[in-house]
Structures are given as C-alpha cells and as structure tokens.
Amino acid sequence: MSALALVLLSVAAALFLTRLFIGPSVADRVMAFDGLLITVMCGILVAVARRDWSTSVDAVLLIALVGFIGTGVLARFVERRGG
C-alpha cells in the first residue's frame, strides 16, 4: 500500500514540477512550489511510516516552515508586482 502511495506522490510531484516550469504566471508557479513542498513532506511521512524512522519527522517540520515562509514572501512579491 505504501508503494502505491509513493507512486501517486511521484506523479503528483512531476505534475507540480511541470506547472512550476511552464506556469503562465508567477502566482501559478508559487502555488506549484507550495504543492511540491507538500508532496515532498507527504513522501517523507510515507517513508517514515514504512520504515519507522522517527528522525525524519524533524525534516518534515523544517520543510513545512521553509514552505510557509517562502510562500508568504512570494505572495508579497506577487502582490507588489501586481501580477
């Protein structure tokens, strides 16, 4: 079951990367970046559940913090730029 979850998360990550590179606007790229970070966090959590690693939860918290701050900064940039 976890292998299926990892495959689906890989497909989602590929689609987010596609939107990140060819997004028509900066706002689309910001949303794709945020979705990609969430997908990476879910992949790490699936690996944690699969192998019972407790140290990787710290990495998920760090990615969540970076994603939150990065999305806020990019949203402010988009707001000031007007696009």
C-alpha atoms as a PDB file:
ATOM      1  CA  MET A   1       0.000   0.000   0.000  1.00  0.00           C
ATOM      2  CA  SER A   2       2.836   2.396   0.768  1.00  0.00           C
ATOM      3  CA  ALA A   3       4.417   1.667  -2.619  1.00  0.00           C
ATOM      4  CA  LEU A   4       1.206   2.812  -4.303  1.00  0.00           C
ATOM      5  CA  ALA A   5       1.232   5.987  -2.197  1.00  0.00           C
ATOM      6  CA  LEU A   6       4.812   6.712  -3.241  1.00  0.00           C
ATOM      7  CA  VAL A   7       3.965   6.176  -6.914  1.00  0.00           C
ATOM      8  CA  LEU A   8       0.988   8.535  -6.699  1.00  0.00           C
ATOM      9  CA  LEU A   9       3.088  11.120  -4.867  1.00  0.00           C
ATOM     10  CA  SER A  10       5.739  10.840  -7.590  1.00  0.00           C
ATOM     11  CA  VAL A  11       3.121  11.504 -10.265  1.00  0.00           C
ATOM     12  CA  ALA A  12       1.853  14.495  -8.295  1.00  0.00           C
ATOM     13  CA  ALA A  13       5.399  15.829  -7.902  1.00  0.00           C
ATOM     14  CA  ALA A  14       6.013  15.504 -11.638  1.00  0.00           C
ATOM     15  CA  LEU A  15       2.825  17.421 -12.390  1.00  0.00           C
ATOM     16  CA  PHE A  16       3.729  20.142  -9.882  1.00  0.00           C
ATOM     17  CA  LEU A  17       7.188  20.426 -11.447  1.00  0.00           C
ATOM     18  CA  THR A  18       5.599  20.791 -14.862  1.00  0.00           C
ATOM     19  CA  ARG A  19       3.401  23.613 -13.586  1.00  0.00           C
ATOM     20  CA  LEU A  20       6.390  25.161 -11.836  1.00  0.00           C
ATOM     21  CA  PHE A  21       8.427  25.345 -15.042  1.00  0.00           C
ATOM     22  CA  ILE A  22       5.720  26.274 -17.573  1.00  0.00           C
ATOM     23  CA  GLY A  23       3.241  28.139 -15.371  1.00  0.00           C
ATOM     24  CA  PRO A  24       1.810  31.110 -17.217  1.00  0.00           C
ATOM     25  CA  SER A  25       2.037  33.439 -14.221  1.00  0.00           C
ATOM     26  CA  VAL A  26       4.111  33.886 -11.090  1.00  0.00           C
ATOM     27  CA  ALA A  27       1.088  33.043  -8.941  1.00  0.00           C
ATOM     28  CA  ASP A  28       0.781  29.661 -10.683  1.00  0.00           C
ATOM     29  CA  ARG A  29       4.443  28.988 -10.002  1.00  0.00           C
ATOM     30  CA  VAL A  30       4.039  29.907  -6.323  1.00  0.00           C
ATOM     31  CA  MET A  31       1.115  27.512  -5.961  1.00  0.00           C
ATOM     32  CA  ALA A  32       3.061  24.762  -7.756  1.00  0.00           C
ATOM     33  CA  PHE A  33       6.023  25.314  -5.424  1.00  0.00           C
ATOM     34  CA  ASP A  34       3.763  25.065  -2.381  1.00  0.00           C
ATOM     35  CA  GLY A  35       2.114  21.911  -3.727  1.00  0.00           C
ATOM     36  CA  LEU A  36       5.509  20.393  -4.458  1.00  0.00           C
ATOM     37  CA  LEU A  37       6.667  21.032  -0.905  1.00  0.00           C
ATOM     38  CA  ILE A  38       3.526  19.410   0.480  1.00  0.00           C
ATOM     39  CA  THR A  39       4.063  16.423  -1.808  1.00  0.00           C
ATOM     40  CA  VAL A  40       7.660  16.060  -0.607  1.00  0.00           C
ATOM     41  CA  MET A  41       6.506  16.231   3.009  1.00  0.00           C
ATOM     42  CA  CYS A  42       3.908  13.526   2.377  1.00  0.00           C
ATOM     43  CA  GLY A  43       6.541  11.354   0.697  1.00  0.00           C
ATOM     44  CA  ILE A  44       8.835  11.679   3.695  1.00  0.00           C
ATOM     45  CA  LEU A  45       5.967  10.817   6.029  1.00  0.00           C
ATOM     46  CA  VAL A  46       5.120   7.722   3.978  1.00  0.00           C
ATOM     47  CA  ALA A  47       8.774   6.651   4.232  1.00  0.00           C
ATOM     48  CA  VAL A  48       8.665   7.301   7.993  1.00  0.00           C
ATOM     49  CA  ALA A  49       5.591   5.102   8.335  1.00  0.00           C
ATOM     50  CA  ARG A  50       7.119   2.438   6.125  1.00  0.00           C
ATOM     51  CA  ARG A  51      10.464   2.142   7.894  1.00  0.00           C
ATOM     52  CA  ASP A  52       9.642   3.542  11.351  1.00  0.00           C
ATOM     53  CA  TRP A  53      12.175   6.391  11.225  1.00  0.00           C
ATOM     54  CA  SER A  54      11.481   8.929  13.897  1.00  0.00           C
ATOM     55  CA  THR A  55      14.288  11.339  12.972  1.00  0.00           C
ATOM     56  CA  SER A  56      12.774  12.239   9.595  1.00  0.00           C
ATOM     57  CA  VAL A  57       9.845  13.976  11.253  1.00  0.00           C
ATOM     58  CA  ASP A  58      12.226  16.846  12.025  1.00  0.00           C
ATOM     59  CA  ALA A  59      12.902  17.202   8.300  1.00  0.00           C
ATOM     60  CA  VAL A  60       9.170  17.428   7.615  1.00  0.00           C
ATOM     61  CA  LEU A  61       8.813  20.193  10.190  1.00  0.00           C
ATOM     62  CA  LEU A  62      11.720  22.084   8.635  1.00  0.00           C
ATOM     63  CA  ILE A  63      10.258  21.752   5.134  1.00  0.00           C
ATOM     64  CA  ALA A  64       6.883  22.962   6.412  1.00  0.00           C
ATOM     65  CA  LEU A  65       8.495  26.012   7.995  1.00  0.00           C
ATOM     66  CA  VAL A  66      10.507  26.852   4.873  1.00  0.00           C
ATOM     67  CA  GLY A  67       7.418  26.357   2.722  1.00  0.00           C
ATOM     68  CA  PHE A  68       5.304  28.621   4.904  1.00  0.00           C
ATOM     69  CA  ILE A  69       7.869  31.410   4.942  1.00  0.00           C
ATOM     70  CA  GLY A  70       8.655  31.022   1.240  1.00  0.00           C
ATOM     71  CA  THR A  71       5.009  31.128   0.226  1.00  0.00           C
ATOM     72  CA  GLY A  72       4.473  34.250   2.323  1.00  0.00           C
ATOM     73  CA  VAL A  73       7.458  36.003   0.775  1.00  0.00           C
ATOM     74  CA  LEU A  74       6.470  35.037  -2.753  1.00  0.00           C
ATOM     75  CA  ALA A  75       2.860  36.112  -2.157  1.00  0.00           C
ATOM     76  CA  ARG A  76       4.081  39.526  -1.026  1.00  0.00           C
ATOM     77  CA  PHE A  77       6.252  39.735  -4.160  1.00  0.00           C
ATOM     78  CA  VAL A  78       3.301  38.879  -6.409  1.00  0.00           C
ATOM     79  CA  GLU A  79       1.099  41.385  -4.583  1.00  0.00           C
ATOM     80  CA  ARG A  80       3.586  44.224  -5.011  1.00  0.00           C
ATOM     81  CA  ARG A  81       4.310  43.323  -8.610  1.00  0.00           C
ATOM     82  CA  GLY A  82       0.625  43.224  -9.470  1.00  0.00           C
ATOM     83  CA  GLY A  83       0.691  40.015 -11.434  1.00  0.00           C
END
